Amino acid sequence: MSRFGKAVLLCLTLFAAWRLCSTLFTAAPPGPGAGPAVGGDASCLPLAREVGVRAAAGTGSNFVFSPLSVRAALAMVASGARGDTRRELLRFLGSSSLHGLHHAPVNELVGRLNGLAQTSFACGVWVNRSLALTPEFTATGASRYGATAESVDFVSGAEQARQRVNAYVADATKQLIRDILPPGSVDSSTAVVLANALYFKGAWSHPFDVSTAPFHVPGGTTVGVPSMTTGRSQYIALYPGFRALKLPYKNDVLRQADAFYMLILLPDSGTLSLADLYDKAVSTPEFISKHTPVEEVPVGQFMVPKFKFTFGFEASSDMRNLGVTRAFSGGDFSGMVSGGDGHGRVSISRVYHKATIEVDEQGTVAAAATVVLMDGTSLEEREPPHLVDFVADRPFLFAVVEERTGAVLFLGHMVNPLAG
């Protein structure tokens, strides 16, 4: 080879090496403190597991929960916390810093929900008139969560304030979530109430037919339920012990980058329980996105039951079990409120969450709300066969997910489609 040819070969080799290094460094995962990757966020899934496994025990009850709503509520609370209280909340939310929390793709999705065709989001703060929200907290709430603030009298008007919050949530969820705060939950000791409400309505990319099919409920009973059927190819993948189905929602807005889908995880008969699936779902932050099918396959038998139900619970004891303690006892929320006899010392007393979902042949309508009450101080994928069955005739997990960020808007399980 001539000297000129060798020089050209050397230049091409150096260029290829540079491109390889550039690609490797570009694809490298973010360093510590950079926040969660776009692949998803699992920070509130352990809480869903705690309540979901309890609901599924025995003959079981249906369960639905919004990790996105709970995360948004606690992220806003964390912005007003200081010291160990903030560090504890950040650890629960899976972030090393408040900046990383607010700028995580999942949190930034919250700021876009009102601009999307399928979703809406509302956030409000009610503070006792003896206290004042700090300017920093008010600005963060408004810019990150679109939060509005209102001064109320919890001392002489606690019941009116409770009804005001309930009406706010009901209006924001198109009357799907009512009475999230039960009677007596707000009283003269209440200092701050934070609430958010998430609404979702998505139509399937392709509507389904409906027929009656058997469903095996816990306890050995089989019931006939209205079920979605189709002969069209579907996104299905098989994994050890369970199979997954992805049902995309239609996106009619040309410039909407955020796309949503429902994921159903169906355990194989006699292998995994719902508790086992919950354990898998919370095992890694990317579990849901990594087990979302990416290819359509021809279907043999196909059945997914229609269902509609509501589930609500109070989360403080489960949050304590998961490591959040300071926020409930002597917490430092000096970044949230000031004034009053206690010099702004407040702590979380209760965390109420309620969610509802309806799935039929046309699509999904779901809503959720989270209210935080604060008192004054005191495995490898298998190759699918040519035809793949997906017969959800037994209890299964489901999730409504935003594809680009991996955000889980709703997560739950179905044990009896006929139970409301």
Protein backbone atom coordinates (compact mmCIF):
# COMPACT_ATOMS: atom_id res chain seq x y z
CA MET A 1 0.00 0.00 0.00
CA SER A 2 1.24 3.51 -0.82
CA ARG A 3 2.13 6.04 1.88
CA PHE A 4 -0.94 8.08 0.87
CA GLY A 5 -3.20 5.02 1.18
CA LYS A 6 -1.83 4.24 4.65
CA ALA A 7 -2.47 7.82 5.75
CA VAL A 8 -6.06 7.66 4.52
CA LEU A 9 -6.56 4.33 6.32
CA LEU A 10 -5.17 5.77 9.55
CA CYS A 11 -7.50 8.77 9.35
CA LEU A 12 -10.51 6.53 8.75
CA THR A 13 -9.52 4.34 11.72
CA LEU A 14 -9.17 7.34 14.04
CA PHE A 15 -12.50 8.73 12.86
CA ALA A 16 -14.26 5.40 13.51
CA ALA A 17 -12.73 5.21 16.99
CA TRP A 18 -13.86 8.76 17.75
CA ARG A 19 -17.42 7.96 16.60
CA LEU A 20 -17.49 4.81 18.74
CA CYS A 21 -16.34 6.65 21.88
CA SER A 22 -18.80 9.46 21.20
CA THR A 23 -21.65 6.95 20.91
CA LEU A 24 -20.63 5.13 24.08
CA PHE A 25 -20.42 8.30 26.11
CA THR A 26 -23.69 9.63 24.68
CA ALA A 27 -25.49 6.40 25.55
CA ALA A 28 -23.98 6.15 29.01
CA PRO A 29 -26.46 6.27 31.88
CA PRO A 30 -26.66 9.47 33.89
CA GLY A 31 -24.40 9.78 36.89
CA PRO A 32 -25.48 9.86 40.52
CA GLY A 33 -27.92 12.67 41.29
CA ALA A 34 -28.90 13.13 37.66
CA GLY A 35 -32.43 11.94 38.35
CA PRO A 36 -34.28 8.93 36.99
CA ALA A 37 -33.83 7.90 33.41
CA VAL A 38 -36.52 8.27 30.79
CA GLY A 39 -37.15 4.53 31.12
CA GLY A 40 -39.62 5.08 33.94
CA ASP A 41 -40.11 5.85 37.59
CA ALA A 42 -40.96 3.35 40.31
CA SER A 43 -40.77 5.60 43.37
CA CYS A 44 -44.41 5.11 44.46
CA LEU A 45 -44.79 1.52 43.28
CA PRO A 46 -43.73 0.07 46.69
CA LEU A 47 -46.68 1.91 48.25
CA ALA A 48 -48.95 0.46 45.56
CA ARG A 49 -47.56 -2.98 46.33
CA GLU A 50 -48.24 -2.62 50.08
CA VAL A 51 -51.89 -1.73 49.55
CA GLY A 52 -52.43 -3.91 46.47
CA VAL A 53 -51.16 -7.11 48.07
CA ARG A 54 -53.33 -6.45 51.11
CA ALA A 55 -56.37 -5.89 48.85
CA ALA A 56 -55.66 -9.09 46.89
CA ALA A 57 -55.34 -11.30 49.98
CA GLY A 58 -57.93 -14.03 50.49
CA THR A 59 -60.82 -13.77 48.06
CA GLY A 60 -59.51 -10.30 47.29
CA SER A 61 -60.94 -6.98 46.14
CA ASN A 62 -60.23 -4.94 43.04
CA PHE A 63 -57.58 -2.25 43.43
CA VAL A 64 -56.50 0.86 41.53
CA PHE A 65 -53.93 3.49 42.50
CA SER A 66 -52.25 6.47 40.79
CA PRO A 67 -48.48 6.55 41.35
CA LEU A 68 -48.30 9.79 39.36
CA SER A 69 -50.86 11.58 41.55
CA VAL A 70 -49.21 10.43 44.80
CA ARG A 71 -45.75 11.33 43.51
CA ALA A 72 -46.87 14.82 42.46
CA ALA A 73 -48.48 15.46 45.85
CA LEU A 74 -45.47 14.30 47.85
CA ALA A 75 -43.02 16.09 45.54
CA MET A 76 -44.84 19.33 46.28
CA VAL A 77 -44.77 18.55 50.01
CA ALA A 78 -41.03 17.85 49.74
CA SER A 79 -40.43 21.27 48.22
CA GLY A 80 -41.65 22.81 51.48
CA ALA A 81 -39.67 20.45 53.74
CA ARG A 82 -36.23 21.08 55.16
CA GLY A 83 -33.38 19.04 56.67
CA ASP A 84 -33.96 15.39 57.50
CA THR A 85 -37.65 15.69 56.65
CA ARG A 86 -36.82 16.61 53.06
CA ARG A 87 -34.12 13.95 52.77
CA GLU A 88 -36.54 11.29 53.97
CA LEU A 89 -39.21 12.32 51.46
CA LEU A 90 -36.67 12.49 48.63
CA ARG A 91 -35.47 8.98 49.50
CA PHE A 92 -39.08 7.74 49.38
CA LEU A 93 -39.50 9.43 45.99
CA GLY A 94 -36.27 7.96 44.65
CA SER A 95 -34.39 11.22 44.13
CA SER A 96 -31.13 12.55 45.54
CA SER A 97 -32.08 16.23 45.28
CA LEU A 98 -35.09 18.50 44.98
CA HIS A 99 -33.74 19.79 41.66
CA GLY A 100 -33.48 16.25 40.32
CA LEU A 101 -37.00 15.48 41.55
CA HIS A 102 -38.60 18.51 39.87
CA HIS A 103 -36.71 17.99 36.61
CA ALA A 104 -37.28 14.23 36.31
CA PRO A 105 -39.15 13.33 33.09
CA VAL A 106 -42.05 11.92 35.11
CA ASN A 107 -42.51 15.15 37.08
CA GLU A 108 -42.19 17.28 33.97
CA LEU A 109 -44.99 15.22 32.43
CA VAL A 110 -47.27 16.53 35.19
CA GLY A 111 -46.73 20.06 33.88
CA ARG A 112 -47.87 18.95 30.40
CA LEU A 113 -51.01 17.02 31.39
CA ASN A 114 -53.37 19.94 30.87
CA GLY A 115 -52.08 20.37 27.33
CA LEU A 116 -52.72 16.78 26.30
CA ALA A 117 -55.87 15.48 24.65
CA GLN A 118 -56.42 12.56 27.06
CA THR A 119 -55.56 14.12 30.42
CA SER A 120 -56.10 16.97 32.84
CA PHE A 121 -54.52 17.81 36.19
CA ALA A 122 -55.47 20.21 38.98
CA CYS A 123 -53.66 21.10 42.19
CA GLY A 124 -54.74 23.23 45.15
CA VAL A 125 -53.46 24.29 48.56
CA TRP A 126 -55.64 25.47 51.44
CA VAL A 127 -53.83 27.12 54.35
CA ASN A 128 -55.22 28.26 57.70
CA ARG A 129 -55.58 32.04 57.86
CA SER A 130 -53.21 32.25 60.85
CA LEU A 131 -50.39 30.96 58.61
CA ALA A 132 -48.82 32.13 55.36
CA LEU A 133 -47.33 30.04 52.58
CA THR A 134 -43.74 31.02 51.87
CA PRO A 135 -43.18 32.83 48.55
CA GLU A 136 -40.76 30.12 47.42
CA PHE A 137 -43.24 27.32 48.06
CA THR A 138 -46.06 29.24 46.37
CA ALA A 139 -43.89 29.91 43.31
CA THR A 140 -42.78 26.26 43.04
CA GLY A 141 -46.34 25.01 43.36
CA ALA A 142 -47.60 27.39 40.70
CA SER A 143 -44.79 26.82 38.21
CA ARG A 144 -44.39 23.05 38.60
CA TYR A 145 -47.92 21.89 39.38
CA GLY A 146 -50.19 24.79 38.44
CA ALA A 147 -51.22 24.97 42.09
CA THR A 148 -53.64 27.58 43.31
CA ALA A 149 -53.65 28.69 46.96
CA GLU A 150 -56.52 29.73 49.21
CA SER A 151 -56.67 31.00 52.78
CA VAL A 152 -59.39 29.37 54.90
CA ASP A 153 -60.52 29.22 58.53
CA PHE A 154 -59.98 25.67 59.78
CA VAL A 155 -60.81 26.67 63.36
CA SER A 156 -64.40 27.82 62.94
CA GLY A 157 -65.07 26.52 59.41
CA ALA A 158 -63.44 23.08 59.25
CA GLU A 159 -66.48 21.35 57.75
CA GLN A 160 -66.91 24.04 55.10
CA ALA A 161 -63.22 23.68 54.21
CA ARG A 162 -63.59 19.89 53.90
CA GLN A 163 -66.55 20.31 51.57
CA ARG A 164 -64.60 22.91 49.57
CA VAL A 165 -61.72 20.47 48.97
CA ASN A 166 -64.11 17.63 48.09
CA ALA A 167 -65.95 19.86 45.61
CA TYR A 168 -62.65 20.94 44.05
CA VAL A 169 -61.60 17.31 43.50
CA ALA A 170 -65.04 16.32 42.19
CA ASP A 171 -65.05 19.16 39.65
CA ALA A 172 -61.49 18.38 38.51
CA THR A 173 -62.33 14.68 37.96
CA LYS A 174 -65.70 15.32 36.27
CA GLN A 175 -67.50 14.02 39.38
CA LEU A 176 -65.71 10.64 39.29
CA ILE A 177 -63.94 11.16 42.65
CA ARG A 178 -66.30 12.36 45.37
CA ASP A 179 -65.90 12.74 49.12
CA ILE A 180 -62.20 11.92 49.19
CA LEU A 181 -62.02 13.56 52.61
CA PRO A 182 -64.41 11.71 54.96
CA PRO A 183 -66.41 13.51 57.65
CA GLY A 184 -64.26 14.54 60.61
CA SER A 185 -60.97 14.38 58.68
CA VAL A 186 -60.58 18.18 58.79
CA ASP A 187 -60.76 19.91 62.17
CA SER A 188 -59.42 22.88 64.11
CA SER A 189 -55.93 21.36 64.27
CA THR A 190 -55.62 21.28 60.47
CA ALA A 191 -53.07 23.78 59.19
CA VAL A 192 -52.58 22.96 55.50
CA VAL A 193 -54.37 20.78 52.96
CA LEU A 194 -52.75 19.91 49.64
CA ALA A 195 -54.81 18.17 46.96
CA ASN A 196 -54.35 17.16 43.36
CA ALA A 197 -56.69 15.51 40.87
CA LEU A 198 -55.79 13.54 37.73
CA TYR A 199 -58.26 12.74 34.94
CA PHE A 200 -57.65 10.42 31.97
CA LYS A 201 -59.86 9.49 29.04
CA GLY A 202 -58.37 7.45 26.21
CA ALA A 203 -59.95 5.61 23.29
CA TRP A 204 -58.38 2.40 21.99
CA SER A 205 -56.55 2.65 18.69
CA HIS A 206 -58.93 -0.09 17.52
CA PRO A 207 -62.23 -0.70 19.38
CA PHE A 208 -63.11 -4.26 20.39
CA ASP A 209 -66.11 -6.53 19.98
CA VAL A 210 -67.94 -7.68 23.12
CA SER A 211 -69.15 -11.10 24.16
CA THR A 212 -69.79 -12.93 27.44
CA ALA A 213 -66.89 -15.10 28.63
CA PRO A 214 -66.03 -17.00 31.84
CA PHE A 215 -63.82 -15.43 34.52
CA HIS A 216 -62.38 -17.40 37.44
CA VAL A 217 -62.58 -15.37 40.65
CA PRO A 218 -60.61 -16.31 43.80
CA GLY A 219 -62.32 -19.00 45.86
CA GLY A 220 -63.06 -21.30 42.93
CA THR A 221 -66.11 -19.51 41.52
CA THR A 222 -66.54 -18.89 37.78
CA VAL A 223 -68.71 -16.02 36.57
CA GLY A 224 -69.79 -14.90 33.10
CA VAL A 225 -68.61 -11.37 32.33
CA PRO A 226 -68.88 -8.98 29.34
CA SER A 227 -65.49 -9.19 27.68
CA MET A 228 -63.56 -7.52 24.88
CA THR A 229 -62.66 -9.81 21.98
CA THR A 230 -60.94 -9.42 18.62
CA GLY A 231 -59.30 -11.35 15.83
CA ARG A 232 -56.88 -8.50 15.12
CA SER A 233 -53.16 -8.90 15.87
CA GLN A 234 -52.12 -7.56 19.28
CA TYR A 235 -48.98 -6.52 21.16
CA ILE A 236 -48.32 -9.63 23.26
CA ALA A 237 -45.13 -11.02 24.78
CA LEU A 238 -44.50 -14.14 26.86
CA TYR A 239 -42.29 -14.17 29.96
CA PRO A 240 -41.49 -16.81 32.58
CA GLY A 241 -44.65 -17.20 34.66
CA PHE A 242 -46.76 -14.50 32.96
CA ARG A 243 -47.66 -12.86 29.69
CA ALA A 244 -48.05 -9.19 28.82
CA LEU A 245 -50.53 -7.33 26.61
CA LYS A 246 -50.09 -3.73 25.42
CA LEU A 247 -53.25 -1.88 24.38
CA PRO A 248 -52.37 1.49 22.79
CA TYR A 249 -54.69 4.48 23.06
CA LYS A 250 -55.52 6.57 20.01
CA ASN A 251 -53.66 9.85 19.55
CA ASP A 252 -55.51 12.22 17.22
CA VAL A 253 -53.34 15.25 18.01
CA LEU A 254 -50.61 15.54 15.37
CA ARG A 255 -48.01 17.28 17.51
CA GLN A 256 -48.65 15.44 20.78
CA ALA A 257 -45.43 13.61 21.62
CA ASP A 258 -46.83 11.86 24.71
CA ALA A 259 -48.53 8.54 23.93
CA PHE A 260 -50.45 6.35 26.38
CA TYR A 261 -51.19 2.64 26.60
CA MET A 262 -52.63 0.07 28.99
CA LEU A 263 -50.41 -2.81 30.03
CA ILE A 264 -51.98 -6.03 31.34
CA LEU A 265 -49.79 -8.58 33.13
CA LEU A 266 -51.55 -11.95 33.27
CA PRO A 267 -50.02 -14.68 35.47
CA ASP A 268 -49.91 -18.19 34.06
CA SER A 269 -52.37 -20.55 35.74
CA GLY A 270 -50.93 -22.12 38.87
CA THR A 271 -47.59 -20.30 38.73
CA LEU A 272 -47.45 -16.69 39.91
CA SER A 273 -49.82 -14.92 42.29
CA LEU A 274 -50.80 -11.26 42.15
CA ALA A 275 -48.38 -10.69 45.04
CA ASP A 276 -45.59 -12.25 42.96
CA LEU A 277 -46.39 -9.91 40.07
CA TYR A 278 -46.38 -6.89 42.39
CA ASP A 279 -42.96 -7.97 43.66
CA LYS A 280 -41.70 -8.14 40.08
CA ALA A 281 -43.23 -4.76 39.19
CA VAL A 282 -41.41 -2.98 42.02
CA SER A 283 -38.15 -4.93 41.63
CA THR A 284 -36.57 -2.46 39.18
CA PRO A 285 -37.59 1.05 38.04
CA GLU A 286 -37.75 -0.08 34.40
CA PHE A 287 -39.68 -3.32 34.93
CA ILE A 288 -42.91 -2.06 33.36
CA SER A 289 -41.26 -0.46 30.33
CA LYS A 290 -38.98 -3.48 29.80
CA HIS A 291 -41.96 -5.86 29.88
CA THR A 292 -44.11 -3.86 27.50
CA PRO A 293 -44.51 -5.80 24.22
CA VAL A 294 -43.03 -4.08 21.15
CA GLU A 295 -44.33 -6.29 18.32
CA GLU A 296 -47.80 -7.24 17.17
CA VAL A 297 -48.45 -10.98 16.88
CA PRO A 298 -51.42 -12.86 15.42
CA VAL A 299 -53.87 -13.85 18.14
CA GLY A 300 -55.74 -17.07 18.67
CA GLN A 301 -58.15 -16.77 21.58
CA PHE A 302 -58.42 -13.25 22.97
CA MET A 303 -60.46 -12.06 25.94
CA VAL A 304 -60.13 -9.13 28.33
CA PRO A 305 -63.05 -8.41 30.68
CA LYS A 306 -64.73 -5.04 30.88
CA PHE A 307 -64.57 -3.59 34.39
CA LYS A 308 -65.44 -0.52 36.44
CA PHE A 309 -64.66 0.15 40.11
CA THR A 310 -63.32 2.65 42.66
CA PHE A 311 -60.77 2.14 45.45
CA GLY A 312 -59.76 4.51 48.24
CA PHE A 313 -57.48 4.30 51.26
CA GLU A 314 -55.47 6.30 53.79
CA ALA A 315 -51.73 5.88 53.23
CA SER A 316 -49.97 7.23 56.33
CA SER A 317 -49.36 3.85 58.04
CA ASP A 318 -48.02 2.29 54.84
CA MET A 319 -45.76 5.29 54.23
CA ARG A 320 -44.39 4.95 57.76
CA ASN A 321 -43.69 1.26 57.10
CA LEU A 322 -41.78 2.31 53.98
CA GLY A 323 -39.52 4.69 55.91
CA VAL A 324 -41.29 8.07 55.99
CA THR A 325 -41.46 8.95 59.70
CA ARG A 326 -40.20 12.50 60.32
CA ALA A 327 -42.80 14.04 58.02
CA PHE A 328 -45.53 12.60 60.28
CA SER A 329 -43.97 13.59 63.60
CA GLY A 330 -42.20 16.86 64.24
CA GLY A 331 -41.44 17.40 60.57
CA ASP A 332 -39.60 20.49 59.37
CA PHE A 333 -41.80 22.24 56.81
CA SER A 334 -40.43 25.72 57.39
CA GLY A 335 -40.04 26.06 53.63
CA MET A 336 -43.82 25.80 53.26
CA VAL A 337 -45.48 27.96 55.92
CA SER A 338 -44.63 30.69 58.39
CA GLY A 339 -46.48 32.49 61.13
CA GLY A 340 -48.87 31.25 63.81
CA ASP A 341 -48.09 30.33 67.39
CA GLY A 342 -46.06 27.30 66.29
CA HIS A 343 -43.81 29.34 64.01
CA GLY A 344 -44.92 27.32 60.99
CA ARG A 345 -44.17 23.91 62.53
CA VAL A 346 -46.54 21.48 60.85
CA SER A 347 -46.51 17.74 60.17
CA ILE A 348 -48.42 15.41 57.88
CA SER A 349 -51.34 13.80 59.68
CA ARG A 350 -53.02 11.78 56.92
CA VAL A 351 -52.65 11.05 53.21
CA TYR A 352 -55.89 10.14 51.44
CA HIS A 353 -55.92 8.59 47.97
CA LYS A 354 -58.83 7.50 45.82
CA ALA A 355 -58.89 6.27 42.22
CA THR A 356 -61.52 5.01 39.82
CA ILE A 357 -61.30 3.29 36.44
CA GLU A 358 -63.68 2.07 33.75
CA VAL A 359 -62.45 -0.12 30.88
CA ASP A 360 -64.75 -1.11 28.01
CA GLU A 361 -64.62 -1.89 24.30
CA GLN A 362 -64.15 1.80 23.40
CA GLY A 363 -61.35 2.74 25.78
CA THR A 364 -60.61 3.84 29.35
CA VAL A 365 -61.85 6.57 31.67
CA ALA A 366 -59.92 6.94 34.93
CA ALA A 367 -59.40 9.51 37.63
CA ALA A 368 -57.46 9.81 40.86
CA ALA A 369 -56.93 12.28 43.66
CA THR A 370 -54.43 12.60 46.49
CA VAL A 371 -54.99 14.81 49.52
CA VAL A 372 -52.31 15.50 52.14
CA LEU A 373 -53.57 16.83 55.48
CA MET A 374 -51.06 18.67 57.63
CA ASP A 375 -51.65 19.57 61.27
CA GLY A 376 -49.95 22.14 63.41
CA THR A 377 -47.12 20.90 65.57
CA SER A 378 -47.89 18.32 67.43
CA LEU A 379 -36.11 -12.02 33.05
CA GLU A 380 -35.52 -12.76 29.25
CA GLU A 381 -38.40 -12.62 26.73
CA ARG A 382 -39.39 -15.86 24.97
CA GLU A 383 -40.00 -16.12 21.23
CA PRO A 384 -43.81 -16.10 20.80
CA PRO A 385 -45.47 -18.88 18.84
CA HIS A 386 -47.19 -18.18 15.55
CA LEU A 387 -50.55 -17.74 17.27
CA VAL A 388 -50.67 -16.34 20.79
CA ASP A 389 -53.64 -16.59 23.12
CA PHE A 390 -54.40 -13.91 25.67
CA VAL A 391 -57.37 -15.00 27.77
CA ALA A 392 -57.60 -12.86 30.89
CA ASP A 393 -60.03 -15.19 32.64
CA ARG A 394 -58.36 -14.90 36.05
CA PRO A 395 -56.98 -12.08 38.25
CA PHE A 396 -54.42 -9.83 36.56
CA LEU A 397 -52.44 -6.63 37.03
CA PHE A 398 -52.96 -3.55 34.84
CA ALA A 399 -51.27 -0.19 34.35
CA VAL A 400 -51.91 2.96 32.31
CA VAL A 401 -48.52 4.22 31.16
CA GLU A 402 -47.12 7.19 29.25
CA GLU A 403 -44.78 5.64 26.71
CA ARG A 404 -42.04 8.28 26.32
CA THR A 405 -41.40 8.92 30.03
CA GLY A 406 -42.52 5.53 31.37
CA ALA A 407 -44.75 7.36 33.87
CA VAL A 408 -47.36 5.10 35.46
CA LEU A 409 -50.60 7.07 35.71
CA PHE A 410 -52.62 4.19 37.13
CA LEU A 411 -51.72 0.76 38.52
CA GLY A 412 -53.95 -1.90 39.96
CA HIS A 413 -55.38 -5.38 39.72
CA MET A 414 -58.65 -7.02 38.77
CA VAL A 415 -59.94 -10.02 40.71
CA ASN A 416 -63.67 -9.79 39.94
CA PRO A 417 -65.00 -7.79 36.97
CA LEU A 418 -68.52 -7.87 38.42
CA ALA A 419 -67.49 -6.19 41.69
CA GLY A 420 -67.83 -2.42 41.71
